[in-house]
Amino acid sequence: MSAMWQGGKALNAKRAMTLRAQWLGRHLRELREISGLTLKEVGGFIQRDVGTVSRIEAGIYPARTPDVLAMLDLYGVTEARRRDGLLKLAGEVWQSGWWDGYTEDLSKVMVDYAWVESRARRISSFDALVIPGLLQTRAYMEAVQTAIVDSSPNQITSGIRFRLTRQQILTAPEPPFIEAILDESLLRRSPGGHTVLQAQLEHLLVLAEQSHIEIRVLPFSSGAHASPEGAFRIFEMPEPYPEVAYMDTPAGGIYVESAEVGRFMLKLEHIREATLEPLEARKFIREIADNLP
């Protein structure tokens, strides 16, 4: 089953939801349907009304661990790995993280984004407009955030602090593997001026020396590419989380999971084939940095 969720200020009805609650609810709904049970039968077993069970499955109401445990028993889920994974996800639904402190100033989808990013084993991205947030210098992100036309000063400040905190995963004991494919235009566009760009390029070269960060460049000479729609991310997640793709839109971010992620992986493969290899990319970035005005 494929699924898509869109986030942003325009979707006020879903601001109380989180991706983790939606993922857990989908798993529970699928298990109930396989078992051939009705919402009423499940509600009677766990001593909840039909509406509550329905809201749990929709991700509107976060399921509590005892309820999830009872449901797994009812659905006959005995495989230890699957039970442990779903119970872990149930705990995650109620767990607070540093990202929850940004719900006032940033869209709910971005708060979810930080949670997904913190759980990913591998993050692959293609960027054609700005350097990805995990790889930005503070000066670069300030220039990018300030250029957003509808951002308030509080949102700009929160956005910068949010990105700097996200970057801590790069120095975690077990960091995710980062594969960043950068369009050549990013290496030449200078938000904040050439001094900011110079520092940003030098920062990329330092990051590219780390074993868990791979930076590639898609040069202008490669011509048209497989993602004319723009940038995207693919998060490869540990069980029980699904693999997730993410795209930004003017109306808010969009998450895509399950079968639809394969389309993004295919795009990434085609783009990767046209890129400069990591060593070539570093030389290319070095040349641009050395020849800036």
Protein backbone atom coordinates (compact mmCIF):
# COMPACT_ATOMS: atom_id res chain seq x y z
CA MET A 1 0.00 0.00 0.00
CA SER A 2 1.37 3.41 -0.93
CA ALA A 3 0.65 6.55 0.98
CA MET A 4 1.26 10.28 0.81
CA TRP A 5 1.00 12.96 3.43
CA GLN A 6 1.25 16.68 2.90
CA GLY A 7 2.16 19.15 5.62
CA GLY A 8 2.06 22.90 5.97
CA LYS A 9 0.11 25.71 7.52
CA ALA A 10 -2.72 25.27 5.02
CA LEU A 11 -3.49 21.80 6.36
CA ASN A 12 -4.61 22.82 9.83
CA ALA A 13 -6.73 19.70 10.31
CA LYS A 14 -3.64 17.52 10.27
CA ARG A 15 -1.38 19.61 12.44
CA ALA A 16 -2.10 17.38 15.46
CA MET A 17 -0.94 14.29 13.57
CA THR A 18 2.58 13.02 13.34
CA LEU A 19 4.07 10.68 10.79
CA ARG A 20 4.91 8.16 13.49
CA ALA A 21 1.25 8.05 14.63
CA GLN A 22 0.11 7.63 11.03
CA TRP A 23 2.60 4.85 10.39
CA LEU A 24 1.57 3.01 13.54
CA GLY A 25 -2.11 3.45 12.72
CA ARG A 26 -1.63 2.09 9.20
CA HIS A 27 0.15 -1.01 10.52
CA LEU A 28 -2.64 -1.63 13.02
CA ARG A 29 -5.36 -1.14 10.41
CA GLU A 30 -3.68 -3.60 8.04
CA LEU A 31 -3.34 -6.18 10.81
CA ARG A 32 -7.01 -5.77 11.77
CA GLU A 33 -8.15 -6.16 8.15
CA ILE A 34 -6.01 -9.29 7.71
CA SER A 35 -7.59 -10.69 10.88
CA GLY A 36 -11.08 -9.98 9.52
CA LEU A 37 -12.12 -8.06 12.63
CA THR A 38 -14.37 -5.01 12.79
CA LEU A 39 -13.63 -1.77 14.61
CA LYS A 40 -16.37 -2.65 17.10
CA GLU A 41 -14.83 -6.04 17.87
CA VAL A 42 -11.41 -4.52 18.44
CA GLY A 43 -12.89 -1.75 20.58
CA GLY A 44 -14.66 -4.31 22.74
CA PHE A 45 -11.44 -6.25 23.25
CA ILE A 46 -9.32 -3.27 24.28
CA GLN A 47 -12.23 -1.52 26.02
CA ARG A 48 -12.28 1.48 23.72
CA ASP A 49 -15.14 2.91 21.70
CA VAL A 50 -15.29 2.48 17.93
CA GLY A 51 -14.41 6.12 17.30
CA THR A 52 -11.20 5.88 19.33
CA VAL A 53 -10.05 2.77 17.45
CA SER A 54 -10.82 4.49 14.15
CA ARG A 55 -8.84 7.59 15.19
CA ILE A 56 -5.90 5.39 16.27
CA GLU A 57 -5.84 3.76 12.84
CA ALA A 58 -6.01 7.16 11.14
CA GLY A 59 -3.14 8.51 13.23
CA ILE A 60 -5.35 11.23 14.71
CA TYR A 61 -5.21 9.75 18.21
CA PRO A 62 -1.80 8.33 19.21
CA ALA A 63 -2.19 4.76 20.43
CA ARG A 64 -0.91 3.95 23.90
CA THR A 65 1.50 1.05 24.32
CA PRO A 66 -0.92 -1.14 26.37
CA ASP A 67 -3.56 -0.76 23.65
CA VAL A 68 -1.05 -1.67 20.94
CA LEU A 69 0.10 -4.68 22.94
CA ALA A 70 -3.51 -5.86 23.33
CA MET A 71 -4.15 -5.37 19.60
CA LEU A 72 -1.08 -7.38 18.65
CA ASP A 73 -2.28 -10.21 20.90
CA LEU A 74 -5.75 -10.02 19.35
CA TYR A 75 -4.35 -10.05 15.80
CA GLY A 76 -2.11 -13.02 16.56
CA VAL A 77 1.17 -11.21 15.92
CA THR A 78 3.71 -13.55 17.52
CA GLU A 79 6.86 -12.80 15.52
CA ALA A 80 9.19 -11.17 18.07
CA ARG A 81 10.86 -8.82 15.58
CA ARG A 82 7.56 -7.40 14.34
CA ARG A 83 6.05 -7.11 17.82
CA ASP A 84 9.13 -5.36 19.16
CA GLY A 85 9.23 -3.00 16.17
CA LEU A 86 5.59 -1.95 16.51
CA LEU A 87 5.89 -1.55 20.29
CA LYS A 88 8.96 0.59 19.75
CA LEU A 89 6.99 2.72 17.29
CA ALA A 90 4.17 3.01 19.84
CA GLY A 91 6.69 4.38 22.32
CA GLU A 92 8.00 6.82 19.71
CA VAL A 93 4.49 8.18 19.17
CA TRP A 94 4.41 9.55 22.71
CA GLN A 95 8.10 10.38 23.04
CA SER A 96 9.09 14.03 22.97
CA GLY A 97 12.24 15.21 21.23
CA TRP A 98 14.13 18.47 20.81
CA TRP A 99 12.16 19.08 17.59
CA ASP A 100 8.88 19.46 19.53
CA GLY A 101 10.13 22.80 20.83
CA TYR A 102 9.72 24.29 17.33
CA THR A 103 6.02 23.62 16.77
CA GLU A 104 5.08 27.28 17.38
CA ASP A 105 7.36 28.81 14.75
CA LEU A 106 7.79 26.06 12.14
CA SER A 107 5.30 23.98 10.21
CA LYS A 108 4.38 20.57 11.61
CA VAL A 109 5.82 18.90 8.53
CA MET A 110 9.28 20.27 9.33
CA VAL A 111 9.06 19.02 12.91
CA ASP A 112 8.21 15.58 11.51
CA TYR A 113 11.11 16.00 9.08
CA ALA A 114 13.61 16.34 11.93
CA TRP A 115 12.24 13.19 13.56
CA VAL A 116 12.50 11.19 10.32
CA GLU A 117 16.00 12.54 9.67
CA SER A 118 17.12 11.54 13.17
CA ARG A 119 15.98 7.93 12.62
CA ALA A 120 17.29 7.38 9.07
CA ARG A 121 20.15 5.01 8.31
CA ARG A 122 20.86 6.67 4.96
CA ILE A 123 19.79 10.02 3.51
CA SER A 124 20.12 10.46 -0.24
CA SER A 125 19.29 13.79 -1.82
CA PHE A 126 19.28 15.75 -5.05
CA ASP A 127 19.34 19.52 -4.72
CA ALA A 128 19.06 22.11 -7.46
CA LEU A 129 18.22 25.36 -5.62
CA VAL A 130 20.12 25.57 -2.33
CA ILE A 131 22.72 23.50 -0.49
CA PRO A 132 20.89 20.93 1.71
CA GLY A 133 20.35 22.09 5.29
CA LEU A 134 22.58 19.45 6.88
CA LEU A 135 25.56 20.76 4.89
CA GLN A 136 24.99 24.50 5.25
CA THR A 137 27.17 26.98 7.12
CA ARG A 138 25.40 29.34 9.49
CA ALA A 139 26.00 32.36 7.25
CA TYR A 140 24.62 30.51 4.24
CA MET A 141 21.48 29.39 6.06
CA GLU A 142 20.93 32.94 7.36
CA ALA A 143 21.01 34.23 3.79
CA VAL A 144 18.63 31.52 2.61
CA GLN A 145 16.18 31.95 5.51
CA THR A 146 16.12 35.75 5.15
CA ALA A 147 15.23 35.45 1.46
CA ILE A 148 11.98 33.57 2.24
CA VAL A 149 9.31 36.20 1.62
CA ASP A 150 6.72 35.18 4.24
CA SER A 151 9.04 34.44 7.17
CA SER A 152 8.82 36.50 10.34
CA PRO A 153 11.96 37.39 12.33
CA ASN A 154 11.01 34.71 14.90
CA GLN A 155 10.63 32.11 12.16
CA ILE A 156 14.00 33.04 10.68
CA THR A 157 15.72 32.77 14.06
CA SER A 158 13.96 29.49 14.85
CA GLY A 159 14.70 28.13 11.39
CA ILE A 160 18.43 28.78 11.79
CA ARG A 161 18.55 27.26 15.28
CA PHE A 162 16.49 24.30 14.02
CA ARG A 163 18.95 23.56 11.18
CA LEU A 164 22.00 23.92 13.40
CA THR A 165 20.50 21.43 15.86
CA ARG A 166 19.63 19.02 13.04
CA GLN A 167 23.27 19.07 11.94
CA GLN A 168 24.26 17.36 15.19
CA ILE A 169 23.38 14.00 13.63
CA LEU A 170 26.50 14.38 11.46
CA THR A 171 28.69 13.99 14.54
CA ALA A 172 26.56 11.39 16.33
CA PRO A 173 28.24 8.13 17.44
CA GLU A 174 26.42 6.31 14.62
CA PRO A 175 25.60 8.97 12.02
CA PRO A 176 23.50 8.22 8.95
CA PHE A 177 25.25 7.87 5.62
CA ILE A 178 24.71 11.06 3.63
CA GLU A 179 24.69 11.02 -0.16
CA ALA A 180 24.25 14.56 -1.48
CA ILE A 181 24.00 15.21 -5.22
CA LEU A 182 24.40 18.93 -5.91
CA ASP A 183 23.52 20.61 -9.17
CA GLU A 184 26.38 22.79 -10.41
CA SER A 185 24.17 25.88 -10.10
CA LEU A 186 24.32 25.57 -6.28
CA LEU A 187 28.07 25.94 -6.38
CA ARG A 188 27.85 29.22 -8.29
CA ARG A 189 24.76 30.89 -6.78
CA SER A 190 25.83 33.11 -3.91
CA PRO A 191 23.10 33.93 -1.37
CA GLY A 192 24.61 36.51 0.93
CA GLY A 193 27.47 37.32 -1.45
CA HIS A 194 30.70 35.70 -2.58
CA THR A 195 32.23 35.62 0.90
CA VAL A 196 29.36 33.48 2.13
CA LEU A 197 29.60 31.20 -0.90
CA GLN A 198 33.38 30.87 -0.50
CA ALA A 199 32.99 29.71 3.10
CA GLN A 200 30.18 27.36 2.11
CA LEU A 201 32.27 25.69 -0.60
CA GLU A 202 35.18 25.27 1.81
CA HIS A 203 32.76 23.72 4.30
CA LEU A 204 31.55 21.23 1.66
CA LEU A 205 35.14 20.18 0.99
CA VAL A 206 35.74 19.54 4.68
CA LEU A 207 32.52 17.52 5.00
CA ALA A 208 33.33 15.50 1.88
CA GLU A 209 36.45 14.13 3.59
CA GLN A 210 34.30 12.29 6.15
CA SER A 211 33.65 8.61 5.50
CA HIS A 212 29.88 8.86 6.04
CA ILE A 213 29.36 11.84 3.73
CA GLU A 214 29.49 11.49 -0.06
CA ILE A 215 29.11 14.61 -2.18
CA ARG A 216 28.59 14.39 -5.93
CA VAL A 217 28.10 17.16 -8.49
CA LEU A 218 25.75 17.18 -11.46
CA PRO A 219 27.56 19.44 -13.95
CA PHE A 220 25.87 21.70 -16.48
CA SER A 221 27.48 19.58 -19.20
CA SER A 222 25.26 16.63 -18.29
CA GLY A 223 22.26 18.36 -19.87
CA ALA A 224 18.70 17.53 -18.84
CA HIS A 225 18.23 15.36 -15.76
CA ALA A 226 15.63 12.98 -14.35
CA SER A 227 14.05 15.40 -11.85
CA PRO A 228 12.83 18.53 -13.64
CA GLU A 229 10.37 18.89 -10.73
CA GLY A 230 13.28 19.80 -8.48
CA ALA A 231 14.91 18.62 -5.26
CA PHE A 232 13.95 15.55 -3.25
CA ARG A 233 15.16 13.38 -0.36
CA ILE A 234 15.04 9.64 0.23
CA PHE A 235 15.25 8.34 3.80
CA GLU A 236 16.19 4.68 4.23
CA MET A 237 14.81 3.74 7.64
CA PRO A 238 15.27 0.85 10.08
CA GLU A 239 12.32 -1.40 10.82
CA PRO A 240 9.45 -0.89 11.49
CA TYR A 241 9.56 2.46 9.69
CA PRO A 242 8.95 2.53 5.93
CA GLU A 243 11.34 4.09 3.46
CA VAL A 244 10.27 7.67 2.83
CA ALA A 245 10.73 10.23 0.06
CA TYR A 246 10.23 13.93 0.68
CA MET A 247 9.72 16.95 -1.58
CA ASP A 248 9.24 20.63 -0.75
CA THR A 249 6.39 22.58 -2.35
CA PRO A 250 5.17 26.18 -1.86
CA ALA A 251 2.19 24.73 0.04
CA GLY A 252 4.35 22.63 2.37
CA GLY A 253 6.39 19.44 2.29
CA ILE A 254 5.11 16.14 0.91
CA TYR A 255 6.08 12.71 2.26
CA VAL A 256 5.71 9.65 0.08
CA GLU A 257 6.23 6.10 1.28
CA SER A 258 6.11 2.45 0.23
CA ALA A 259 5.83 1.63 -3.48
CA GLU A 260 5.99 5.27 -4.58
CA VAL A 261 9.49 5.64 -3.11
CA GLY A 262 10.75 3.40 -5.91
CA ARG A 263 10.04 6.16 -8.42
CA PHE A 264 12.32 8.53 -6.52
CA MET A 265 15.01 5.87 -6.25
CA LEU A 266 14.87 5.43 -10.03
CA LYS A 267 15.24 9.19 -10.48
CA LEU A 268 18.22 9.19 -8.13
CA GLU A 269 19.91 6.34 -10.00
CA HIS A 270 19.58 8.14 -13.34
CA ILE A 271 20.87 11.41 -11.88
CA ARG A 272 23.76 9.63 -10.14
CA GLU A 273 24.91 8.12 -13.44
CA ALA A 274 25.43 11.64 -14.83
CA THR A 275 27.31 13.03 -11.82
CA LEU A 276 30.97 13.57 -11.13
CA GLU A 277 32.31 10.87 -8.81
CA PRO A 278 33.13 12.01 -5.25
CA LEU A 279 36.84 12.59 -5.92
CA GLU A 280 36.10 14.43 -9.18
CA ALA A 281 33.40 16.41 -7.41
CA ARG A 282 35.85 17.60 -4.74
CA LYS A 283 38.27 18.75 -7.41
CA PHE A 284 35.42 20.51 -9.22
CA ILE A 285 34.30 22.31 -6.04
CA ARG A 286 37.91 23.23 -5.26
CA GLU A 287 38.33 24.79 -8.71
CA ILE A 288 35.16 26.86 -8.36
CA ALA A 289 36.13 28.00 -4.86
CA ASP A 290 39.57 29.04 -6.02
CA ASN A 291 38.22 31.05 -8.93
CA LEU A 292 35.43 33.00 -7.26
CA PRO A 293 35.57 36.78 -7.83
